[in-house]
Amino acid sequence: MSPFQLIYGKACHLRAELEHKVYWALKKLNLDMWAAGERRMLQINELDEFFLQAYKKKKLYKEEVKRWHDKRLAHKSFVPGQQILIFNSRLKLFPGKLKSRWSGPFIVKTVFLHSAVEIFDKLQDQAFKVNGQRLKHYFGDMVNREAVIAVLATT
């Protein structure tokens, strides 16, 4: 009996003894450490192949979604002198009941690369640049903004 067991009534296991028991258990179960290591490396390689395959599938999926999205985009081309309407995005927060979110008509002054457009406002006699995605073609006549009267009901 060890002195530890005499005092505390329990067996004391040292770390070296535990490592020896583990080695003994591996030897008894006839486990080959080299074969286990090779099997683990094969599992890691399979996991890497799985990640690579998932990456390729994600890339194909993104390309397909981009192609689908680009096919449904409406490409607008503007020429100088053309009448257009501009989308008023600030009206979304406090919309009027029957108020249109499109302002205009404005006249296209210059068309820049990447759908930037310089438009001219006749009423304020000024020109400014806007994103071409906020614009749409205007096919109506010139509108007098001050003299528009809408009859909503008849009596």
Protein backbone atom coordinates (compact mmCIF):
# COMPACT_ATOMS: atom_id res chain seq x y z
CA MET A 1 0.00 0.00 0.00
CA SER A 2 1.11 3.51 -0.79
CA PRO A 3 1.29 6.23 1.87
CA PHE A 4 -1.41 8.19 -0.04
CA GLN A 5 -3.77 5.22 0.16
CA LEU A 6 -3.05 4.74 3.87
CA ILE A 7 -3.90 8.39 4.67
CA TYR A 8 -6.83 9.08 2.32
CA GLY A 9 -8.13 5.58 1.71
CA LYS A 10 -8.03 6.06 -2.08
CA ALA A 11 -5.67 4.93 -4.78
CA CYS A 12 -3.33 7.51 -6.25
CA HIS A 13 -2.78 7.46 -10.01
CA LEU A 14 0.23 9.31 -11.31
CA ARG A 15 0.30 10.77 -14.78
CA ALA A 16 3.05 8.46 -15.95
CA GLU A 17 1.00 5.48 -14.82
CA LEU A 18 -2.04 6.72 -16.81
CA GLU A 19 0.02 7.18 -19.98
CA HIS A 20 1.42 3.69 -19.53
CA LYS A 21 -2.12 2.29 -19.11
CA VAL A 22 -3.28 4.06 -22.28
CA TYR A 23 -0.34 2.68 -24.23
CA TRP A 24 -1.02 -0.76 -22.78
CA ALA A 25 -4.74 -0.51 -23.77
CA LEU A 26 -3.80 0.46 -27.34
CA LYS A 27 -1.40 -2.43 -27.54
CA LYS A 28 -3.99 -4.81 -26.12
CA LEU A 29 -6.67 -3.70 -28.61
CA ASN A 30 -4.10 -4.08 -31.38
CA LEU A 31 -4.59 -0.54 -32.72
CA ASP A 32 -1.98 0.62 -35.16
CA MET A 33 -1.21 4.33 -34.66
CA TRP A 34 0.17 4.74 -38.20
CA ALA A 35 -3.00 3.27 -39.77
CA ALA A 36 -5.17 5.48 -37.57
CA GLY A 37 -3.11 8.53 -38.59
CA GLU A 38 -3.43 7.69 -42.29
CA ARG A 39 -7.18 7.18 -41.91
CA ARG A 40 -7.46 10.56 -40.21
CA MET A 41 -5.49 12.22 -43.02
CA LEU A 42 -7.84 10.63 -45.57
CA GLN A 43 -10.83 12.00 -43.64
CA ILE A 44 -9.27 15.49 -43.62
CA ASN A 45 -8.63 15.27 -47.38
CA GLU A 46 -12.24 14.17 -47.97
CA LEU A 47 -13.40 17.15 -45.93
CA ASP A 48 -11.23 19.49 -48.04
CA GLU A 49 -12.70 17.99 -51.22
CA PHE A 50 -16.20 18.48 -49.81
CA PHE A 51 -15.46 22.17 -49.09
CA LEU A 52 -14.01 22.64 -52.58
CA GLN A 53 -17.08 21.04 -54.16
CA ALA A 54 -19.38 23.25 -52.05
CA TYR A 55 -17.39 26.33 -53.15
CA LYS A 56 -17.75 25.38 -56.82
CA LYS A 57 -21.49 24.78 -56.42
CA LYS A 58 -21.89 28.15 -54.67
CA LYS A 59 -20.03 29.86 -57.51
CA LEU A 60 -22.25 28.19 -60.13
CA TYR A 61 -25.37 29.14 -58.16
CA LYS A 62 -24.27 32.80 -57.94
CA GLU A 63 -23.54 32.93 -61.67
CA GLU A 64 -26.97 31.45 -62.43
CA VAL A 65 -28.75 33.94 -60.14
CA LYS A 66 -26.79 36.83 -61.69
CA ARG A 67 -27.71 35.66 -65.20
CA TRP A 68 -31.38 35.35 -64.17
CA HIS A 69 -31.36 38.81 -62.58
CA ASP A 70 -29.55 40.48 -65.49
CA LYS A 71 -31.98 38.93 -67.98
CA ARG A 72 -34.89 40.65 -66.24
CA LEU A 73 -33.30 44.11 -66.05
CA ALA A 74 -34.87 46.75 -68.25
CA HIS A 75 -32.08 48.55 -70.06
CA LYS A 76 -32.90 52.19 -70.67
CA SER A 77 -30.98 54.38 -73.05
CA PHE A 78 -31.29 58.15 -72.88
CA VAL A 79 -30.33 60.68 -75.53
CA PRO A 80 -29.79 64.43 -75.07
CA GLY A 81 -32.98 66.44 -75.57
CA GLN A 82 -35.27 63.62 -74.46
CA GLN A 83 -37.94 64.17 -71.80
CA ILE A 84 -37.72 62.03 -68.66
CA LEU A 85 -39.27 61.63 -65.21
CA ILE A 86 -37.24 61.23 -62.01
CA PHE A 87 -38.23 58.98 -59.10
CA ASN A 88 -38.68 60.81 -55.79
CA SER A 89 -37.47 58.29 -53.21
CA ARG A 90 -38.03 60.62 -50.24
CA LEU A 91 -41.78 60.50 -50.80
CA LYS A 92 -41.84 56.87 -49.57
CA LEU A 93 -41.66 57.96 -45.94
CA PHE A 94 -44.67 60.30 -45.97
CA PRO A 95 -46.64 59.58 -49.13
CA GLY A 96 -49.59 61.67 -50.16
CA LYS A 97 -52.74 59.71 -50.87
CA LEU A 98 -52.84 60.04 -54.64
CA LYS A 99 -49.48 61.73 -55.09
CA SER A 100 -47.17 60.31 -57.73
CA ARG A 101 -43.59 59.47 -56.78
CA TRP A 102 -42.37 60.59 -60.21
CA SER A 103 -41.35 64.23 -60.70
CA GLY A 104 -40.88 65.94 -63.98
CA PRO A 105 -40.70 66.16 -66.90
CA PHE A 106 -37.03 67.09 -67.16
CA ILE A 107 -34.80 67.26 -70.23
CA VAL A 108 -31.68 65.12 -70.67
CA LYS A 109 -28.65 67.36 -71.11
CA THR A 110 -25.72 64.88 -71.08
CA VAL A 111 -25.40 61.10 -70.71
CA PHE A 112 -22.28 59.87 -68.87
CA LEU A 113 -20.79 56.42 -68.43
CA HIS A 114 -22.28 53.94 -65.94
CA SER A 115 -25.84 55.33 -66.37
CA ALA A 116 -25.16 58.76 -64.88
CA VAL A 117 -27.31 61.43 -66.53
CA GLU A 118 -27.24 65.21 -66.31
CA ILE A 119 -30.76 66.59 -66.50
CA PHE A 120 -32.05 70.13 -66.93
CA ASP A 121 -35.04 71.62 -65.12
CA LYS A 122 -36.68 74.43 -67.13
CA LEU A 123 -38.64 75.88 -64.19
CA GLN A 124 -35.63 76.39 -61.94
CA ASP A 125 -33.21 76.87 -64.84
CA GLN A 126 -30.59 74.54 -63.42
CA ALA A 127 -28.89 71.27 -64.35
CA PHE A 128 -27.88 68.41 -62.01
CA LYS A 129 -26.60 64.85 -62.23
CA VAL A 130 -28.70 61.84 -61.20
CA ASN A 131 -28.41 58.08 -61.37
CA GLY A 132 -29.94 56.72 -64.55
CA GLN A 133 -31.71 53.97 -62.62
CA ARG A 134 -33.95 56.61 -61.02
CA LEU A 135 -35.17 57.82 -64.42
CA LYS A 136 -37.81 56.68 -66.87
CA HIS A 137 -38.93 57.94 -70.25
CA TYR A 138 -41.72 60.51 -70.46
CA PHE A 139 -43.95 60.16 -73.52
CA GLY A 140 -46.59 62.80 -72.71
CA ASP A 141 -46.88 66.47 -73.57
CA MET A 142 -45.41 69.33 -71.60
CA VAL A 143 -47.34 69.87 -68.38
CA ASN A 144 -47.97 73.22 -66.77
CA ARG A 145 -47.42 72.35 -63.10
CA GLU A 146 -49.17 75.44 -61.72
CA ALA A 147 -52.35 75.10 -63.77
CA VAL A 148 -53.20 71.43 -63.25
CA ILE A 149 -56.73 70.92 -61.97
CA ALA A 150 -58.18 67.48 -61.32
CA VAL A 151 -61.91 66.95 -61.00
CA LEU A 152 -62.40 63.98 -58.69
CA ALA A 153 -66.16 63.84 -58.42
CA THR A 154 -69.22 65.17 -60.21
CA THR A 155 -72.40 66.23 -58.42
